[in-house]
């Protein structure tokens, strides 16, 4: 991940993690290497402890239990859009119904997903979607400015 390219998003993220208002943050990440860089950066710069919670292949209880244990921490879910795959509807609905419970726990949930799946979020998890407070784009599409970002 090009830190300079995403400097604005990273600054907004840190502000959101410090704020008592932000609970659900969407991070659009287009590839695994970008995610690894993002996770490493977050561990080193977050004002709260960061816990990665993978959900792929898990049942509802295996997803919700680790979230229940957190308080004043960050839950980073790298594969959040797994919930939008056909056959996972019941899990997505169940987690969606826990929106208020999770918000009351003072945890920050960063939902990472591929760019093409953002439109599915409000359809599958409309309660979570309505509580989202920040959408950040960490895609590393090639552009002329990507190689040599403009200097301020």
Protein backbone atom coordinates (compact mmCIF):
# COMPACT_ATOMS: atom_id res chain seq x y z
CA UNK A 1 0.00 0.00 0.00
CA UNK A 2 1.33 3.40 -0.93
CA UNK A 3 1.09 5.36 2.32
CA UNK A 4 1.42 8.72 0.54
CA UNK A 5 -1.35 7.80 -1.88
CA UNK A 6 -3.69 6.96 1.01
CA UNK A 7 -2.53 9.57 3.51
CA UNK A 8 -5.91 11.32 3.65
CA UNK A 9 -7.81 8.06 4.27
CA UNK A 10 -5.37 7.00 6.99
CA UNK A 11 -5.71 10.34 8.77
CA UNK A 12 -9.51 10.08 8.65
CA UNK A 13 -9.29 6.54 10.02
CA UNK A 14 -7.20 7.58 13.02
CA UNK A 15 -9.65 10.40 13.78
CA UNK A 16 -12.54 7.93 13.56
CA UNK A 17 -10.82 5.47 15.90
CA UNK A 18 -10.38 8.25 18.47
CA UNK A 19 -13.95 9.47 18.17
CA UNK A 20 -16.68 8.00 20.37
CA UNK A 21 -19.16 8.36 17.49
CA UNK A 22 -17.69 6.08 14.85
CA UNK A 23 -18.53 2.39 15.23
CA UNK A 24 -18.63 0.76 11.79
CA UNK A 25 -16.01 1.67 9.22
CA UNK A 26 -15.84 0.29 5.71
CA UNK A 27 -12.42 -0.18 4.12
CA UNK A 28 -12.37 -0.95 0.41
CA UNK A 29 -9.21 -2.97 -0.25
CA UNK A 30 -8.55 -4.52 -3.64
CA UNK A 31 -5.76 -7.02 -3.00
CA UNK A 32 -4.15 -9.13 -0.29
CA UNK A 33 -0.82 -7.28 -0.23
CA UNK A 34 -2.62 -3.98 0.32
CA UNK A 35 -4.57 -5.59 3.15
CA UNK A 36 -1.36 -6.87 4.79
CA UNK A 37 0.21 -3.41 4.57
CA UNK A 38 -2.98 -1.84 5.94
CA UNK A 39 -3.12 -4.29 8.85
CA UNK A 40 0.53 -3.70 9.73
CA UNK A 41 0.07 0.07 9.54
CA UNK A 42 -3.06 -0.14 11.69
CA UNK A 43 -1.34 -2.24 14.38
CA UNK A 44 1.45 0.34 14.58
CA UNK A 45 -0.69 3.49 14.50
CA UNK A 46 -4.08 2.71 16.01
CA UNK A 47 -4.93 4.45 19.29
CA UNK A 48 -6.70 1.21 20.30
CA UNK A 49 -5.58 -2.43 20.27
CA UNK A 50 -6.37 -4.15 16.96
CA UNK A 51 -7.73 -7.70 16.69
CA UNK A 52 -8.04 -9.41 13.34
CA UNK A 53 -11.15 -11.59 13.13
CA UNK A 54 -11.47 -13.79 10.06
CA UNK A 55 -15.02 -14.91 9.37
CA UNK A 56 -14.77 -17.03 6.23
CA UNK A 57 -16.29 -20.46 6.81
CA UNK A 58 -17.39 -19.68 10.37
CA UNK A 59 -20.83 -20.03 11.87
CA UNK A 60 -22.63 -17.16 13.58
CA UNK A 61 -21.39 -17.99 17.10
CA UNK A 62 -17.79 -18.33 15.88
CA UNK A 63 -18.04 -14.80 14.50
CA UNK A 64 -19.99 -13.05 17.24
CA UNK A 65 -18.23 -14.53 20.30
CA UNK A 66 -14.83 -12.90 19.61
CA UNK A 67 -16.62 -9.59 19.01
CA UNK A 68 -18.43 -9.88 22.35
CA UNK A 69 -15.09 -10.19 24.15
CA UNK A 70 -13.80 -6.87 22.84
CA UNK A 71 -14.23 -3.53 24.57
CA UNK A 72 -12.66 -0.23 23.52
CA UNK A 73 -10.74 -2.10 20.84
CA UNK A 74 -10.70 -2.44 17.05
CA UNK A 75 -12.05 -5.52 15.30
CA UNK A 76 -10.54 -5.75 11.84
CA UNK A 77 -12.54 -8.13 9.64
CA UNK A 78 -10.54 -8.72 6.45
CA UNK A 79 -13.16 -10.87 4.74
CA UNK A 80 -16.40 -9.09 5.66
CA UNK A 81 -17.86 -9.52 2.18
CA UNK A 82 -17.88 -13.29 2.72
CA UNK A 83 -21.21 -12.62 4.40
CA UNK A 84 -22.64 -11.59 1.01
CA UNK A 85 -22.00 -14.95 -0.66
CA UNK A 86 -25.09 -16.99 -1.43
CA UNK A 87 -25.78 -19.38 1.43
CA UNK A 88 -24.51 -17.02 4.14
CA UNK A 89 -27.71 -14.97 4.31
CA UNK A 90 -28.74 -16.34 7.70
CA UNK A 91 -25.36 -15.43 9.23
CA UNK A 92 -25.46 -11.93 7.72
CA UNK A 93 -28.99 -11.37 9.02
CA UNK A 94 -28.07 -12.58 12.51
CA UNK A 95 -25.00 -10.33 12.72
CA UNK A 96 -27.00 -7.44 11.29
CA UNK A 97 -29.48 -7.82 14.16
CA UNK A 98 -26.59 -7.45 16.67
CA UNK A 99 -25.77 -3.95 15.41
CA UNK A 100 -27.00 -2.11 18.53
CA UNK A 101 -25.49 -4.65 20.91
CA UNK A 102 -22.07 -4.31 19.24
CA UNK A 103 -22.31 -0.51 19.10
CA UNK A 104 -22.94 -0.42 22.86
CA UNK A 105 -19.69 -2.32 23.48
CA UNK A 106 -17.58 0.66 22.35
CA UNK A 107 -15.69 -1.37 19.78
CA UNK A 108 -14.75 -0.17 16.34
CA UNK A 109 -15.43 -2.63 13.56
CA UNK A 110 -13.50 -2.16 10.33
CA UNK A 111 -15.26 -4.11 7.59
CA UNK A 112 -12.83 -4.82 4.75
CA UNK A 113 -14.25 -5.71 1.37
CA UNK A 114 -13.50 -5.84 -2.32
CA UNK A 115 -14.54 -2.79 -4.40
CA UNK A 116 -17.16 -4.74 -6.36
CA UNK A 117 -19.02 -5.83 -3.23
CA UNK A 118 -19.82 -2.49 -1.64
CA UNK A 119 -23.23 -2.32 -3.34
CA UNK A 120 -24.23 -5.59 -1.64
CA UNK A 121 -23.73 -4.23 1.87
CA UNK A 122 -27.01 -2.26 2.21
CA UNK A 123 -28.99 -5.12 0.68
CA UNK A 124 -27.65 -7.84 2.97
CA UNK A 125 -27.01 -5.84 6.16
CA UNK A 126 -29.15 -2.72 6.07
CA UNK A 127 -28.94 -2.04 9.83
CA UNK A 128 -25.13 -2.13 9.82
CA UNK A 129 -25.15 -0.03 6.65
CA UNK A 130 -27.28 2.66 8.29
CA UNK A 131 -24.79 2.92 11.18
CA UNK A 132 -21.68 3.12 9.00
CA UNK A 133 -19.78 6.27 9.72
CA UNK A 134 -16.90 6.17 7.31
CA UNK A 135 -16.06 4.60 3.97
CA UNK A 136 -12.38 4.54 3.03
CA UNK A 137 -10.95 3.55 -0.34
CA UNK A 138 -7.54 1.86 -0.18
CA UNK A 139 -7.57 0.51 -3.72
CA UNK A 140 -4.21 0.64 -5.42
CA UNK A 141 -5.31 1.03 -9.01
CA UNK A 142 -2.48 2.13 -11.22
CA UNK A 143 -2.42 5.79 -12.11
CA UNK A 144 0.32 8.19 -13.20
CA UNK A 145 0.27 9.70 -9.69
CA UNK A 146 0.68 6.31 -8.06
CA UNK A 147 4.33 5.98 -9.08
CA UNK A 148 5.23 9.56 -8.19
CA UNK A 149 2.54 11.01 -5.96
CA UNK A 150 2.31 14.79 -6.05
CA UNK A 151 4.19 16.55 -3.29
CA UNK A 152 2.27 19.12 -1.26
